[in-house]
Amino acid sequence: MSASRPATLSLVRVVVVALLGLGCASSDVIATLRDGSVGVDAPLADAQLDAPDAPRVDGGFCAGSGPLFQVGDGAGEPRCGGTVTQTTFRFALCACDGFALSHALTVDAFDSREGPWTPGRRGGSVGSNQSFAASAGASVGGSVIAESDVDGAGLQVDVGGSVRAGGMLSGSAAFGIDKDLFTGAGVSVDRLRVDGLVHLPTGAAYDVRESEDVGGVVREPVVVDAPCDCDVSRLLDVGAVVEGYRDDNDDARAGLTPDSLGEGDDRRVELDCGRYYFDRIAGGALELVIRGRVAIFVASDLALEGAFVVTLEGGAELDLFVAGNVLGTARWTIGDPARPSRVRLYVGGAGTVDLAAGGDLAANLYAPRAELVTPESLEVFGSVFVRRLAASGPLTVHYDEAILDVGGECPTPDGCDTCRDCGNQACVDGACSLCRGDADCCAPLVCAAGRCIPEPF
């Protein structure tokens, strides 16, 4: 940790939201926190859980309101936690170092504020700061934005929005693009359908070998900026967030210690509102029952040999911060698919998030330094932001647009450099303002009546 971090750590306070649900086998309740007391024989009524005198009130934290919590970023500047979250999860999938997909990819979207996911709704975009390669077919309901190449092999690649490739669009797949295609280096494909226009520079190759159905070809300069926020200066310092709660947490009130979850057989832990710190989470299956607003801070790895079950009760929320890496050898099922914006998992390690048995995750995963490895099927209600994605099993992502509104109580900054400083809204002449066009918005959002919103379909 740099010498400048201690001053920042005093500002590290994070709003918490949780929803991890998995099937644990058996277990004993090892800790229950209800209004500051420990025990399983005297639960409080639901109304008491949100009482003004709940533990660690902090001006309304346990009532779901109160002061806006801050998190430090890589530059040492505090930012409102809600703004960090909603600017981070703009894409259904975003990868700093690209994708390795050897099985089908399916992406769509919904808004949990309007109701649960239903099949058939389009939306949900994919971003890559390098290439996007779909070697086994893909169906993306939103747009695909890659700073380098977009490649498809063998099967169908369908995109409900536009494709923006800083490099080539290439491959033997049948590409179907419902809006426009932008490519900075040209086209070399077997089959191509573009309902809008094909935009490519003068002199760039345009080679469609078998079948072509496009709305027209426009020769013009094409520049594609990196879509994912992978600049180290803006990455969340997860380790610093965790360290900020090493000595400032609710463990003792819950009858827990930093090593309570470091090892052991199948366990069940029930937690009411509060912040909980652990040196490590490991051992057999673990079931967490979350009541109220909860934050869990893990100083090293989360590595479980059994299932990981996180259940939300009522209006519970959870943010889970893991300073190290993540390993799950049994299938994970995390959260409530009807409310995925209520769970965020932040991983600081530079190794892997290895879900060896796949999973069903209703959560938003932030791991820009790590590789997500999924050899088995993985279904996500929420979003994924990783360094690299290596999926050899089927991958399905249902993007929840509600995540774009979690920073609604954050203050508008006095000045700004980018739309990210304005919670995805426009930054015009150094001030947060109404957008004038799509270029003012953080991709893949677009401008509509002065507001940056998810691309309509």
Foldseek 3Di string as FASTA:
>chain_A
DDPLLVVLLVQQDAWFFFFFFDDDDDADAPWAFAQLATDDPDHDPLVRLLDCSRPPCQQNSQVVDGDFGWFAALQSDTDGNLLLQLLQFPAQEEAAAEEAEQEEEEEAADALVVWFDDPDHAFGEYFYAAEYEHAHEYAHRAEYAYQAEYEYEDEAHEYNAEYAHAAEYEYAYAYHHAAEYEYEAEYYYAHYAHAYEYEYAPPHYYHHNHYYHYPYYHHDHGGGDHQHPLPRRGHGQLLSSLVSCQPPWCQVSGVHDQDRQVEDEEYEYEYGDIEEHHQEHEYEEYEYEYHTGYEYHYNEEHAYAYEYGYHYDDRGAGEYGHAAEAYYQAETGTGDSSCLLRYEYEYNHQEENERAAEYHYSYEYHAANYEYEAAEEYEYEDHYYYNYYYYNYYYYGHHHQNSLCSCVVGDFDPFDDACSSRSQAFHDPGGGWFDPWQVRGRPPFTHDPRGTGGDHD
